[in-house]
N, C-alpha and C. Protein backbone atom coordinates (compact mmCIF):
# COMPACT_ATOMS: atom_id res chain seq x y z
N VAL A 1 82.50 97.75 106.79
CA VAL A 1 82.18 97.37 105.82
C VAL A 1 82.94 96.05 105.48
N LEU A 2 84.07 96.86 105.88
CA LEU A 2 85.49 96.01 105.58
C LEU A 2 85.79 94.61 106.50
N ALA A 3 85.36 95.01 107.30
CA ALA A 3 85.06 93.85 108.50
C ALA A 3 83.65 92.75 108.02
N LYS A 4 82.87 93.60 107.45
CA LYS A 4 81.86 92.10 107.20
C LYS A 4 82.51 91.31 105.96
N ALA A 5 83.12 91.92 105.13
CA ALA A 5 83.99 91.09 104.38
C ALA A 5 84.78 90.00 104.64
N GLN A 6 85.08 90.75 105.57
CA GLN A 6 86.17 89.48 105.67
C GLN A 6 85.69 88.45 107.17
N GLU A 7 84.70 88.95 107.64
CA GLU A 7 83.58 87.63 108.02
C GLU A 7 83.70 86.50 107.37
N SER A 8 83.27 86.91 105.98
CA SER A 8 82.62 85.77 105.30
C SER A 8 83.71 84.97 104.10
N GLN A 9 85.12 86.23 104.13
CA GLN A 9 85.75 85.33 103.40
C GLN A 9 87.50 86.02 104.11
N PRO A 10 87.51 85.41 105.06
CA PRO A 10 88.73 85.34 105.63
C PRO A 10 90.44 85.14 104.97
N ASN A 11 89.76 84.58 104.06
CA ASN A 11 91.46 84.07 103.55
C ASN A 11 91.52 84.89 102.36
N SER A 12 90.58 86.10 102.18
CA SER A 12 90.88 87.04 100.87
C SER A 12 92.35 88.09 100.56
N PRO A 13 93.24 87.80 100.11
CA PRO A 13 94.56 88.62 100.53
C PRO A 13 94.14 89.84 100.19
N GLU A 14 93.07 90.09 99.31
CA GLU A 14 92.81 92.10 99.14
C GLU A 14 91.87 92.54 100.40
N LEU A 15 91.09 91.67 100.84
CA LEU A 15 90.98 92.05 101.70
C LEU A 15 91.67 92.72 103.48
N TRP A 16 92.79 91.80 102.72
CA TRP A 16 93.41 92.09 104.43
C TRP A 16 94.50 93.21 103.77
N LEU A 17 95.36 93.36 102.44
CA LEU A 17 95.15 94.59 102.06
C LEU A 17 95.08 95.91 102.08
N ASN A 18 93.58 95.95 101.60
CA ASN A 18 92.65 96.89 102.00
C ASN A 18 92.99 97.19 103.36
N GLN A 19 92.58 96.65 104.77
CA GLN A 19 92.49 96.62 105.79
C GLN A 19 93.79 97.51 106.38
N GLY A 20 95.09 96.69 105.60
CA GLY A 20 96.25 97.23 106.48
C GLY A 20 95.77 99.30 105.25
N HIS A 21 95.87 99.25 104.35
CA HIS A 21 95.82 100.27 103.78
C HIS A 21 95.15 101.23 104.47
N SER A 22 93.83 100.88 105.55
CA SER A 22 92.70 101.64 105.70
C SER A 22 93.59 101.94 107.38
N LEU A 23 94.08 101.03 108.06
CA LEU A 23 94.47 100.83 109.59
C LEU A 23 95.33 101.89 109.11
N GLN A 24 96.18 102.03 107.73
CA GLN A 24 97.55 103.39 108.00
C GLN A 24 97.06 104.02 108.09
N ALA A 25 96.25 104.60 106.64
CA ALA A 25 95.36 105.74 106.55
C ALA A 25 95.24 106.88 108.57
N LEU A 26 94.83 105.67 108.65
CA LEU A 26 94.35 105.86 110.40
C LEU A 26 95.31 106.23 111.73
N GLY A 27 96.36 105.82 110.79
CA GLY A 27 97.74 106.09 111.62
C GLY A 27 97.72 105.15 112.68
N ASN A 28 97.03 103.99 112.60
CA ASN A 28 97.15 102.71 114.04
C ASN A 28 98.26 101.74 112.71
N LYS A 29 99.20 102.21 112.64
CA LYS A 29 100.52 101.55 112.39
C LYS A 29 100.59 99.65 112.42
N ALA A 30 100.19 100.04 114.45
CA ALA A 30 101.06 98.49 114.00
C ALA A 30 99.73 96.95 113.88
N GLU A 31 98.52 98.11 113.80
CA GLU A 31 97.75 97.22 113.38
C GLU A 31 97.33 97.02 112.01
N ALA A 32 97.90 98.13 111.12
CA ALA A 32 98.15 97.77 109.71
C ALA A 32 99.16 96.95 109.24
N ARG A 33 100.20 96.74 110.32
CA ARG A 33 101.25 95.87 109.62
C ARG A 33 101.00 94.28 110.12
N LYS A 34 100.24 93.89 110.96
CA LYS A 34 99.83 92.74 111.25
C LYS A 34 98.81 92.44 110.10
N ALA A 35 97.86 93.59 109.22
CA ALA A 35 96.93 93.04 108.32
C ALA A 35 97.85 92.49 107.05
N TYR A 36 98.79 94.31 106.86
CA TYR A 36 99.87 93.42 106.06
C TYR A 36 100.65 91.94 105.52
N SER A 37 101.32 91.68 106.67
CA SER A 37 101.86 90.24 107.11
C SER A 37 100.75 89.43 106.53
N ARG A 38 99.49 89.57 107.68
CA ARG A 38 98.57 88.38 107.20
C ARG A 38 98.29 88.58 105.45
N PHE A 39 98.12 89.98 104.54
CA PHE A 39 98.26 90.03 103.15
C PHE A 39 99.18 89.06 102.86
N LEU A 40 100.53 89.14 103.32
CA LEU A 40 101.38 88.64 102.88
C LEU A 40 101.51 86.83 102.55
N GLU A 41 101.23 86.26 103.69
CA GLU A 41 101.03 85.44 103.64
C GLU A 41 99.74 84.13 102.97
N LEU A 42 98.51 85.13 102.77
CA LEU A 42 97.66 84.54 101.97
C LEU A 42 97.65 84.56 100.75
N SER A 43 99.25 85.74 100.16
CA SER A 43 99.10 86.18 98.99
C SER A 43 100.47 85.33 98.22
N MET A 44 100.95 83.95 99.34
CA MET A 44 102.06 83.90 98.75
C MET A 44 102.00 83.06 97.76
N ASN A 45 101.05 82.71 97.01
CA ASN A 45 101.12 82.26 95.19
C ASN A 45 100.32 82.74 94.63
N ARG A 46 100.15 84.23 94.93
CA ARG A 46 99.15 84.73 93.91
C ARG A 46 100.14 85.74 92.81
N GLN A 47 100.73 85.09 91.41
CA GLN A 47 101.36 86.15 90.99
C GLN A 47 101.05 86.92 90.56
N ASP A 48 99.15 87.33 90.38
CA ASP A 48 98.92 88.25 90.09
C ASP A 48 98.83 89.20 91.37
N LEU A 49 98.97 89.03 92.27
CA LEU A 49 99.67 90.19 93.73
C LEU A 49 100.83 90.54 93.79
N ALA A 50 101.99 90.21 92.51
CA ALA A 50 103.45 90.20 92.62
C ALA A 50 103.68 91.80 93.03
N ALA A 51 102.80 92.95 92.34
CA ALA A 51 103.11 94.01 92.49
C ALA A 51 102.63 94.60 93.99
N GLN A 52 101.89 94.15 94.69
CA GLN A 52 101.42 94.51 95.50
C GLN A 52 101.70 94.06 96.97
N ARG A 53 102.45 92.87 97.02
CA ARG A 53 103.25 92.08 97.47
C ARG A 53 104.76 93.02 98.10
N ALA A 54 105.19 93.12 96.80
CA ALA A 54 106.50 94.28 96.79
C ALA A 54 106.13 95.29 97.87
N TRP A 55 105.13 96.47 97.11
CA TRP A 55 104.86 97.22 98.14
C TRP A 55 105.09 96.83 99.62
N VAL A 56 104.36 95.93 99.69
CA VAL A 56 103.59 96.03 101.07
C VAL A 56 105.51 95.71 102.28
N GLN A 57 106.36 94.58 100.82
CA GLN A 57 107.42 94.57 101.92
C GLN A 57 108.37 95.44 101.98
N ASN A 58 108.11 95.98 100.55
CA ASN A 58 109.13 97.43 100.97
C ASN A 58 108.47 97.83 101.91
N ARG A 59 107.16 98.69 102.33
CA ARG A 59 106.53 99.05 103.38
C ARG A 59 106.85 98.83 104.73
N LEU A 60 106.83 97.41 105.08
CA LEU A 60 107.25 96.89 106.24
C LEU A 60 109.04 97.40 106.63
N GLN A 61 109.47 96.94 105.55
CA GLN A 61 111.09 97.57 105.80
C GLN A 61 111.54 98.74 106.42
N LYS A 62 110.51 99.66 105.38
CA LYS A 62 110.77 101.36 106.13
C LYS A 62 110.00 101.36 107.39
N ASP A 63 108.73 100.94 108.00
CA ASP A 63 108.46 100.55 108.89
C ASP A 63 109.13 100.07 110.39
N ASN A 64 109.98 99.56 110.19
CA ASN A 64 111.33 98.74 110.95
C ASN A 64 112.35 99.41 110.79
N GLY A 65 112.83 99.64 109.21
CA GLY A 65 114.22 100.92 109.66
C GLY A 65 114.02 101.95 110.32
């Protein structure tokens, strides 16, 4: 379902965030990082996603640390 939604809305940061969460839950950390990075790119100018951006940035730092 998520992949189908991304096909029609590939620039939706919410979908990439969701994909990151799903991949992380499945234990696929490398792909989750890619999805989270794409989320950060697409949400750069979205103040309504500031809290999610902070969470993702913290998560990526923990994974790299």
